[in-house]
N, C-alpha and C. Protein backbone atom coordinates (compact mmCIF):
# COMPACT_ATOMS: atom_id res chain seq x y z
N UNK A 1 120.09 -81.72 55.21
CA UNK A 1 118.91 -81.09 55.78
C UNK A 1 118.82 -81.48 57.24
N UNK A 2 118.64 -80.47 58.08
CA UNK A 2 118.57 -80.71 59.51
C UNK A 2 117.16 -80.92 60.00
N UNK A 3 117.06 -81.36 61.23
CA UNK A 3 115.77 -81.60 61.86
C UNK A 3 114.95 -80.32 61.96
N UNK A 4 115.63 -79.19 62.24
CA UNK A 4 114.94 -77.90 62.31
C UNK A 4 114.30 -77.52 60.98
N UNK A 5 115.00 -77.79 59.90
CA UNK A 5 114.45 -77.49 58.57
C UNK A 5 113.24 -78.36 58.28
N UNK A 6 113.33 -79.63 58.64
CA UNK A 6 112.18 -80.53 58.45
C UNK A 6 110.98 -80.07 59.26
N UNK A 7 111.24 -79.62 60.48
CA UNK A 7 110.16 -79.10 61.32
C UNK A 7 109.53 -77.87 60.68
N UNK A 8 110.36 -76.96 60.20
CA UNK A 8 109.85 -75.74 59.55
C UNK A 8 108.98 -76.09 58.35
N UNK A 9 109.44 -77.02 57.53
CA UNK A 9 108.67 -77.42 56.35
C UNK A 9 107.38 -78.13 56.75
N UNK A 10 107.45 -78.95 57.78
CA UNK A 10 106.25 -79.64 58.26
C UNK A 10 105.20 -78.67 58.79
N UNK A 11 105.66 -77.67 59.52
CA UNK A 11 104.74 -76.65 60.04
C UNK A 11 104.12 -75.88 58.87
N UNK A 12 104.94 -75.50 57.91
CA UNK A 12 104.43 -74.78 56.74
C UNK A 12 103.38 -75.62 56.01
N UNK A 13 103.68 -76.89 55.83
CA UNK A 13 102.75 -77.80 55.15
C UNK A 13 101.43 -77.89 55.90
N UNK A 14 101.50 -78.09 57.21
CA UNK A 14 100.28 -78.26 58.01
C UNK A 14 99.45 -76.98 58.06
N UNK A 15 100.09 -75.85 58.30
CA UNK A 15 99.34 -74.59 58.41
C UNK A 15 98.77 -74.16 57.06
N UNK A 16 99.55 -74.31 56.00
CA UNK A 16 99.05 -73.97 54.66
C UNK A 16 97.88 -74.89 54.29
N UNK A 17 97.98 -76.15 54.68
CA UNK A 17 96.89 -77.09 54.42
C UNK A 17 95.63 -76.69 55.19
N UNK A 18 95.79 -76.14 56.40
CA UNK A 18 94.63 -75.68 57.17
C UNK A 18 93.90 -74.57 56.43
N UNK A 19 94.66 -73.62 55.89
CA UNK A 19 94.04 -72.54 55.11
C UNK A 19 93.41 -73.13 53.86
N UNK A 20 94.13 -74.00 53.19
CA UNK A 20 93.63 -74.61 51.95
C UNK A 20 92.38 -75.45 52.18
N UNK A 21 92.33 -76.16 53.29
CA UNK A 21 91.15 -76.97 53.60
C UNK A 21 89.92 -76.09 53.76
N UNK A 22 90.09 -74.97 54.46
CA UNK A 22 88.97 -74.04 54.60
C UNK A 22 88.53 -73.53 53.23
N UNK A 23 89.47 -73.16 52.41
CA UNK A 23 89.13 -72.67 51.07
C UNK A 23 88.45 -73.75 50.24
N UNK A 24 88.93 -74.98 50.36
CA UNK A 24 88.33 -76.11 49.63
C UNK A 24 86.89 -76.34 50.07
N UNK A 25 86.66 -76.33 51.38
CA UNK A 25 85.31 -76.52 51.91
C UNK A 25 84.38 -75.43 51.40
N UNK A 26 84.89 -74.24 51.26
CA UNK A 26 84.08 -73.12 50.77
C UNK A 26 83.93 -73.12 49.25
N UNK A 27 84.55 -74.08 48.56
CA UNK A 27 84.39 -74.22 47.12
C UNK A 27 85.17 -73.20 46.31
N UNK A 28 86.26 -72.72 46.84
CA UNK A 28 87.06 -71.71 46.13
C UNK A 28 87.98 -72.38 45.12
N UNK A 29 88.34 -71.64 44.07
CA UNK A 29 89.20 -72.18 43.03
C UNK A 29 90.58 -72.53 43.57
N UNK A 30 91.11 -71.69 44.42
CA UNK A 30 92.41 -71.96 45.04
C UNK A 30 92.12 -72.64 46.37
N UNK A 31 92.13 -73.96 46.37
CA UNK A 31 91.73 -74.70 47.55
C UNK A 31 92.87 -75.39 48.26
N UNK A 32 92.64 -76.62 48.65
CA UNK A 32 93.57 -77.37 49.49
C UNK A 32 94.93 -77.53 48.83
N UNK A 33 94.96 -78.02 47.61
CA UNK A 33 96.25 -78.28 46.97
C UNK A 33 97.00 -76.99 46.66
N UNK A 34 96.31 -76.00 46.13
CA UNK A 34 96.98 -74.74 45.77
C UNK A 34 97.59 -74.08 47.00
N UNK A 35 96.80 -73.90 48.03
CA UNK A 35 97.31 -73.23 49.23
C UNK A 35 98.42 -74.03 49.90
N UNK A 36 98.27 -75.34 49.94
CA UNK A 36 99.32 -76.17 50.55
C UNK A 36 100.63 -76.02 49.78
N UNK A 37 100.55 -76.06 48.46
CA UNK A 37 101.76 -75.92 47.65
C UNK A 37 102.38 -74.53 47.77
N UNK A 38 101.54 -73.50 47.83
CA UNK A 38 102.05 -72.13 47.98
C UNK A 38 102.79 -71.98 49.31
N UNK A 39 102.20 -72.47 50.39
CA UNK A 39 102.83 -72.37 51.71
C UNK A 39 104.12 -73.17 51.78
N UNK A 40 104.09 -74.39 51.25
CA UNK A 40 105.28 -75.23 51.25
C UNK A 40 106.38 -74.62 50.39
N UNK A 41 106.03 -74.15 49.22
CA UNK A 41 107.03 -73.54 48.33
C UNK A 41 107.64 -72.30 48.96
N UNK A 42 106.84 -71.50 49.61
CA UNK A 42 107.37 -70.30 50.28
C UNK A 42 108.36 -70.69 51.36
N UNK A 43 108.04 -71.74 52.11
CA UNK A 43 108.96 -72.21 53.15
C UNK A 43 110.26 -72.71 52.53
N UNK A 44 110.15 -73.43 51.44
CA UNK A 44 111.36 -73.93 50.77
C UNK A 44 112.21 -72.77 50.28
N UNK A 45 111.58 -71.76 49.70
CA UNK A 45 112.34 -70.59 49.23
C UNK A 45 113.08 -69.91 50.39
N UNK A 46 112.41 -69.78 51.52
CA UNK A 46 113.06 -69.13 52.66
C UNK A 46 114.19 -70.01 53.20
N UNK A 47 113.96 -71.32 53.30
CA UNK A 47 115.02 -72.23 53.73
C UNK A 47 116.21 -72.15 52.77
N UNK A 48 115.92 -72.11 51.49
CA UNK A 48 116.97 -71.96 50.48
C UNK A 48 117.74 -70.67 50.70
N UNK A 49 117.02 -69.62 50.97
CA UNK A 49 117.65 -68.32 51.19
C UNK A 49 118.54 -68.35 52.43
N UNK A 50 118.08 -69.05 53.47
CA UNK A 50 118.84 -69.10 54.73
C UNK A 50 120.07 -70.01 54.64
N UNK A 51 119.93 -71.15 53.97
CA UNK A 51 120.97 -72.17 54.05
C UNK A 51 121.58 -72.57 52.71
N UNK A 52 120.99 -72.16 51.63
CA UNK A 52 121.40 -72.69 50.32
C UNK A 52 122.65 -72.09 49.72
N UNK A 53 123.18 -71.06 50.33
CA UNK A 53 124.31 -70.39 49.69
C UNK A 53 125.54 -70.34 50.60
N UNK A 54 125.61 -71.27 51.53
CA UNK A 54 126.72 -71.27 52.48
C UNK A 54 128.07 -71.48 51.79
N UNK A 55 128.08 -72.18 50.67
CA UNK A 55 129.34 -72.45 49.99
C UNK A 55 129.71 -71.40 48.94
N UNK A 56 128.90 -70.36 48.81
CA UNK A 56 129.16 -69.29 47.85
C UNK A 56 130.10 -68.27 48.49
N UNK A 57 131.18 -67.89 47.77
CA UNK A 57 132.07 -66.86 48.32
C UNK A 57 131.30 -65.57 48.63
N UNK A 58 131.62 -64.95 49.73
CA UNK A 58 130.98 -63.72 50.18
C UNK A 58 129.48 -63.89 50.46
N UNK A 59 129.07 -65.12 50.77
CA UNK A 59 127.66 -65.37 51.05
C UNK A 59 127.19 -64.58 52.27
N UNK A 60 128.10 -64.26 53.16
CA UNK A 60 127.73 -63.49 54.35
C UNK A 60 127.23 -62.09 53.99
N UNK A 61 127.52 -61.66 52.77
CA UNK A 61 127.06 -60.34 52.32
C UNK A 61 125.71 -60.42 51.62
N UNK A 62 125.21 -61.63 51.41
CA UNK A 62 123.93 -61.80 50.73
C UNK A 62 122.80 -61.30 51.62
N UNK A 63 121.71 -60.92 50.99
CA UNK A 63 120.55 -60.43 51.71
C UNK A 63 119.40 -61.43 51.57
N UNK A 64 119.19 -62.29 52.57
CA UNK A 64 118.14 -63.30 52.45
C UNK A 64 116.74 -62.70 52.36
N UNK A 65 116.55 -61.47 52.77
CA UNK A 65 115.22 -60.87 52.70
C UNK A 65 114.78 -60.65 51.25
N UNK A 66 115.71 -60.67 50.33
CA UNK A 66 115.35 -60.51 48.92
C UNK A 66 114.47 -61.65 48.44
N UNK A 67 114.71 -62.84 48.95
CA UNK A 67 113.88 -63.98 48.56
C UNK A 67 112.44 -63.75 49.02
N UNK A 68 112.27 -63.30 50.26
CA UNK A 68 110.92 -63.04 50.76
C UNK A 68 110.22 -61.98 49.91
N UNK A 69 110.96 -60.98 49.50
CA UNK A 69 110.37 -59.93 48.65
C UNK A 69 109.91 -60.51 47.31
N UNK A 70 110.67 -61.44 46.78
CA UNK A 70 110.29 -62.05 45.51
C UNK A 70 109.09 -62.98 45.66
N UNK A 71 108.95 -63.60 46.83
CA UNK A 71 107.76 -64.42 47.08
C UNK A 71 106.53 -63.53 47.03
N UNK A 72 106.61 -62.37 47.65
CA UNK A 72 105.47 -61.44 47.64
C UNK A 72 105.10 -61.06 46.21
N UNK A 73 106.10 -60.75 45.40
CA UNK A 73 105.84 -60.39 44.00
C UNK A 73 105.24 -61.54 43.21
N UNK A 74 105.80 -62.72 43.39
CA UNK A 74 105.31 -63.88 42.65
C UNK A 74 103.89 -64.24 43.03
N UNK A 75 103.58 -64.18 44.30
CA UNK A 75 102.22 -64.51 44.75
C UNK A 75 101.25 -63.43 44.28
N UNK A 76 101.72 -62.19 44.20
CA UNK A 76 100.88 -61.12 43.65
C UNK A 76 100.44 -61.45 42.23
N UNK A 77 101.34 -62.05 41.48
CA UNK A 77 101.03 -62.45 40.10
C UNK A 77 99.97 -63.56 40.09
N UNK A 78 100.14 -64.54 40.96
CA UNK A 78 99.15 -65.62 41.05
C UNK A 78 97.80 -65.06 41.52
N UNK A 79 97.85 -64.19 42.51
CA UNK A 79 96.62 -63.59 43.01
C UNK A 79 95.87 -62.81 41.95
N UNK A 80 96.62 -62.11 41.10
CA UNK A 80 95.97 -61.36 40.02
C UNK A 80 95.23 -62.29 39.07
N UNK A 81 95.73 -63.50 38.91
CA UNK A 81 95.05 -64.48 38.06
C UNK A 81 93.79 -65.03 38.68
N UNK A 82 93.67 -64.94 39.99
CA UNK A 82 92.49 -65.46 40.70
C UNK A 82 91.34 -64.45 40.66
N UNK A 83 91.69 -63.17 40.63
CA UNK A 83 90.69 -62.11 40.68
C UNK A 83 90.11 -61.89 39.29
N UNK A 84 88.79 -61.80 39.20
CA UNK A 84 88.17 -61.49 37.91
C UNK A 84 86.96 -60.58 38.12
N UNK A 85 86.63 -59.88 37.05
CA UNK A 85 85.49 -58.96 37.07
C UNK A 85 84.42 -59.52 36.14
N UNK A 86 83.20 -59.57 36.64
CA UNK A 86 82.10 -60.08 35.84
C UNK A 86 80.90 -59.16 36.04
N UNK A 87 80.44 -58.55 34.96
CA UNK A 87 79.30 -57.64 35.00
C UNK A 87 79.50 -56.54 36.04
N UNK A 88 80.69 -55.99 36.09
CA UNK A 88 80.98 -54.89 37.00
C UNK A 88 81.20 -55.29 38.44
N UNK A 89 81.20 -56.59 38.72
CA UNK A 89 81.39 -57.08 40.08
C UNK A 89 82.74 -57.81 40.16
N UNK A 90 83.49 -57.55 41.22
CA UNK A 90 84.81 -58.17 41.40
C UNK A 90 84.66 -59.43 42.23
N UNK A 91 85.29 -60.51 41.78
CA UNK A 91 85.24 -61.80 42.46
C UNK A 91 86.65 -62.31 42.69
N UNK A 92 86.85 -63.04 43.75
CA UNK A 92 88.13 -63.71 43.99
C UNK A 92 89.10 -62.96 44.88
N UNK A 93 88.71 -61.78 45.38
CA UNK A 93 89.64 -61.01 46.20
C UNK A 93 90.01 -61.75 47.49
N UNK A 94 89.04 -62.31 48.16
CA UNK A 94 89.33 -63.01 49.41
C UNK A 94 90.16 -64.26 49.15
N UNK A 95 89.86 -64.96 48.08
CA UNK A 95 90.65 -66.14 47.72
C UNK A 95 92.09 -65.75 47.41
N UNK A 96 92.27 -64.68 46.67
CA UNK A 96 93.63 -64.20 46.37
C UNK A 96 94.35 -63.79 47.64
N UNK A 97 93.63 -63.15 48.56
CA UNK A 97 94.23 -62.75 49.83
C UNK A 97 94.61 -63.99 50.66
N UNK A 98 93.81 -65.03 50.59
CA UNK A 98 94.12 -66.27 51.31
C UNK A 98 95.40 -66.90 50.77
N UNK A 99 95.56 -66.89 49.46
CA UNK A 99 96.78 -67.42 48.85
C UNK A 99 97.98 -66.58 49.28
N UNK A 100 97.80 -65.27 49.30
CA UNK A 100 98.87 -64.36 49.71
C UNK A 100 99.26 -64.63 51.17
N UNK A 101 98.25 -64.80 52.03
CA UNK A 101 98.51 -65.10 53.43
C UNK A 101 99.20 -66.45 53.57
N UNK A 102 98.79 -67.43 52.78
CA UNK A 102 99.41 -68.74 52.85
C UNK A 102 100.89 -68.66 52.51
N UNK A 103 101.24 -67.82 51.55
CA UNK A 103 102.66 -67.61 51.22
C UNK A 103 103.40 -67.01 52.41
N UNK A 104 102.77 -66.08 53.08
CA UNK A 104 103.40 -65.45 54.26
C UNK A 104 103.55 -66.46 55.39
N UNK A 105 102.54 -67.31 55.60
CA UNK A 105 102.62 -68.34 56.63
C UNK A 105 103.76 -69.30 56.31
N UNK A 106 103.85 -69.72 55.07
CA UNK A 106 104.93 -70.62 54.67
C UNK A 106 106.30 -69.98 54.83
N UNK A 107 106.41 -68.71 54.45
CA UNK A 107 107.68 -68.00 54.60
C UNK A 107 108.06 -67.87 56.07
N UNK A 108 107.09 -67.56 56.92
CA UNK A 108 107.37 -67.45 58.35
C UNK A 108 107.82 -68.79 58.92
N UNK A 109 107.13 -69.85 58.54
CA UNK A 109 107.52 -71.18 59.02
C UNK A 109 108.91 -71.55 58.50
N UNK A 110 109.17 -71.24 57.25
CA UNK A 110 110.49 -71.52 56.68
C UNK A 110 111.59 -70.76 57.38
N UNK A 111 111.27 -69.59 57.89
CA UNK A 111 112.25 -68.78 58.62
C UNK A 111 112.38 -69.24 60.08
N UNK A 112 111.59 -70.25 60.46
CA UNK A 112 111.64 -70.74 61.83
C UNK A 112 110.75 -69.97 62.79
N UNK A 113 109.92 -69.10 62.26
CA UNK A 113 109.01 -68.29 63.09
C UNK A 113 107.67 -69.02 63.23
N UNK A 114 107.72 -70.14 63.91
CA UNK A 114 106.57 -71.04 63.98
C UNK A 114 105.40 -70.40 64.71
N UNK A 115 105.66 -69.70 65.78
CA UNK A 115 104.57 -69.03 66.51
C UNK A 115 103.89 -67.99 65.62
N UNK A 116 104.67 -67.20 64.92
CA UNK A 116 104.10 -66.21 64.01
C UNK A 116 103.25 -66.88 62.94
N UNK A 117 103.76 -67.95 62.35
CA UNK A 117 103.01 -68.66 61.31
C UNK A 117 101.71 -69.23 61.87
N UNK A 118 101.77 -69.76 63.08
CA UNK A 118 100.58 -70.34 63.71
C UNK A 118 99.55 -69.27 64.03
N UNK A 119 99.99 -68.16 64.61
CA UNK A 119 99.07 -67.07 64.94
C UNK A 119 98.45 -66.49 63.67
N UNK A 120 99.22 -66.36 62.61
CA UNK A 120 98.68 -65.85 61.34
C UNK A 120 97.61 -66.79 60.80
N UNK A 121 97.83 -68.09 60.92
CA UNK A 121 96.84 -69.06 60.46
C UNK A 121 95.57 -68.98 61.31
N UNK A 122 95.73 -68.86 62.61
CA UNK A 122 94.57 -68.72 63.50
C UNK A 122 93.83 -67.41 63.21
N UNK A 123 94.57 -66.36 62.92
CA UNK A 123 93.94 -65.08 62.58
C UNK A 123 93.16 -65.20 61.27
N UNK A 124 93.70 -65.94 60.31
CA UNK A 124 92.97 -66.20 59.06
C UNK A 124 91.65 -66.90 59.37
N UNK A 125 91.73 -67.98 60.16
CA UNK A 125 90.52 -68.74 60.47
C UNK A 125 89.50 -67.89 61.21
N UNK A 126 89.95 -67.05 62.14
CA UNK A 126 89.04 -66.13 62.82
C UNK A 126 88.38 -65.20 61.81
N UNK A 127 89.18 -64.64 60.93
CA UNK A 127 88.66 -63.69 59.93
C UNK A 127 87.60 -64.34 59.06
N UNK A 128 87.87 -65.53 58.58
CA UNK A 128 86.93 -66.21 57.69
C UNK A 128 85.70 -66.70 58.44
N UNK A 129 85.90 -67.30 59.59
CA UNK A 129 84.78 -67.89 60.32
C UNK A 129 83.94 -66.83 61.03
N UNK A 130 84.59 -65.94 61.76
CA UNK A 130 83.85 -64.98 62.58
C UNK A 130 83.34 -63.78 61.80
N UNK A 131 84.08 -63.36 60.81
CA UNK A 131 83.67 -62.14 60.09
C UNK A 131 82.76 -62.40 58.89
N UNK A 132 82.73 -63.63 58.39
CA UNK A 132 81.84 -63.93 57.26
C UNK A 132 80.38 -63.65 57.59
N UNK A 133 79.85 -64.07 58.75
CA UNK A 133 78.45 -63.73 59.06
C UNK A 133 78.22 -62.22 59.17
N UNK A 134 79.21 -61.48 59.65
CA UNK A 134 79.08 -60.03 59.74
C UNK A 134 78.96 -59.43 58.34
N UNK A 135 79.82 -59.88 57.43
CA UNK A 135 79.78 -59.39 56.05
C UNK A 135 78.44 -59.73 55.40
N UNK A 136 77.96 -60.94 55.62
CA UNK A 136 76.68 -61.35 55.03
C UNK A 136 75.53 -60.51 55.59
N UNK A 137 75.57 -60.20 56.87
CA UNK A 137 74.53 -59.35 57.47
C UNK A 137 74.56 -57.95 56.87
N UNK A 138 75.74 -57.42 56.66
CA UNK A 138 75.88 -56.09 56.03
C UNK A 138 75.35 -56.14 54.61
N UNK A 139 75.69 -57.20 53.87
CA UNK A 139 75.19 -57.34 52.49
C UNK A 139 73.67 -57.42 52.46
N UNK A 140 73.07 -58.17 53.39
CA UNK A 140 71.60 -58.27 53.45
C UNK A 140 71.00 -56.90 53.76
N UNK A 141 71.57 -56.19 54.72
CA UNK A 141 71.07 -54.87 55.09
C UNK A 141 71.19 -53.91 53.91
N UNK A 142 72.28 -54.01 53.18
CA UNK A 142 72.45 -53.14 52.01
C UNK A 142 71.39 -53.47 50.95
N UNK A 143 71.16 -54.76 50.71
CA UNK A 143 70.17 -55.17 49.72
C UNK A 143 68.76 -54.74 50.10
N UNK A 144 68.48 -54.72 51.39
CA UNK A 144 67.16 -54.32 51.87
C UNK A 144 67.02 -52.81 52.02
N UNK A 145 68.09 -52.08 51.77
CA UNK A 145 68.05 -50.63 51.86
C UNK A 145 68.19 -50.09 53.27
N UNK A 146 68.47 -50.96 54.23
CA UNK A 146 68.59 -50.52 55.61
C UNK A 146 69.73 -49.53 55.77
N UNK A 147 70.85 -49.81 55.14
CA UNK A 147 72.01 -48.92 55.26
C UNK A 147 71.73 -47.56 54.64
N UNK A 148 70.98 -47.55 53.54
CA UNK A 148 70.63 -46.27 52.92
C UNK A 148 69.75 -45.44 53.86
N UNK A 149 68.82 -46.10 54.52
CA UNK A 149 67.95 -45.39 55.46
C UNK A 149 68.75 -44.88 56.66
N UNK A 150 69.72 -45.64 57.11
CA UNK A 150 70.55 -45.19 58.23
C UNK A 150 71.42 -44.00 57.86
N UNK A 151 71.86 -43.97 56.60
CA UNK A 151 72.73 -42.88 56.15
C UNK A 151 71.96 -41.63 55.77
N UNK A 152 70.69 -41.79 55.44
CA UNK A 152 69.92 -40.62 55.02
C UNK A 152 69.53 -39.78 56.23
N UNK A 153 69.21 -38.54 55.95
CA UNK A 153 68.83 -37.62 57.03
C UNK A 153 67.42 -37.93 57.51
N UNK A 154 67.19 -37.82 58.80
CA UNK A 154 65.81 -38.00 59.31
C UNK A 154 64.89 -36.93 58.73
N UNK A 155 63.62 -37.28 58.61
CA UNK A 155 62.64 -36.32 58.08
C UNK A 155 62.55 -35.12 59.00
N UNK A 156 62.35 -33.98 58.39
CA UNK A 156 62.18 -32.77 59.15
C UNK A 156 63.50 -32.05 59.44
N UNK A 157 64.62 -32.70 59.10
CA UNK A 157 65.91 -32.08 59.32
C UNK A 157 66.27 -31.24 58.10
N UNK A 158 66.76 -30.05 58.34
CA UNK A 158 67.13 -29.16 57.24
C UNK A 158 68.62 -29.27 56.97
N UNK A 159 68.95 -29.07 55.72
CA UNK A 159 70.36 -29.03 55.35
C UNK A 159 70.90 -27.66 55.69
N UNK A 160 72.13 -27.55 56.11
CA UNK A 160 72.69 -26.22 56.45
C UNK A 160 72.83 -25.34 55.24
């Protein structure tokens, strides 16, 4: 294992832990440990794909992108387990999306795309921190009927 691989895994670990810490603070089921492990595992899979088959005959014909595709499928399975419906309401979508993003961050770090992994993590934090108050304001307005009043026609207006 080279220094570059250790750096890639360290970045994946740190960035995935950042996402996981946020999820843990918010009390989500998939928190610090889950997200950290997902990001780290994704990085290991990508490192394996890049370097693990050098001694295999015709390895130059292998397609390392297949591993990334399988990470997406596998995380989709985990995400489906996080999402549940209760009394007609869907819960866990954002948590499942966070786990999916953590896998992508880990895969990017494992591929040596540290800037991409870092920007994706910062974009996650922006989305969760900056957009959560916007979503809550929309939910309050919906509950108060404000959105319905905005969508309805003003009095005195005729339908065509």
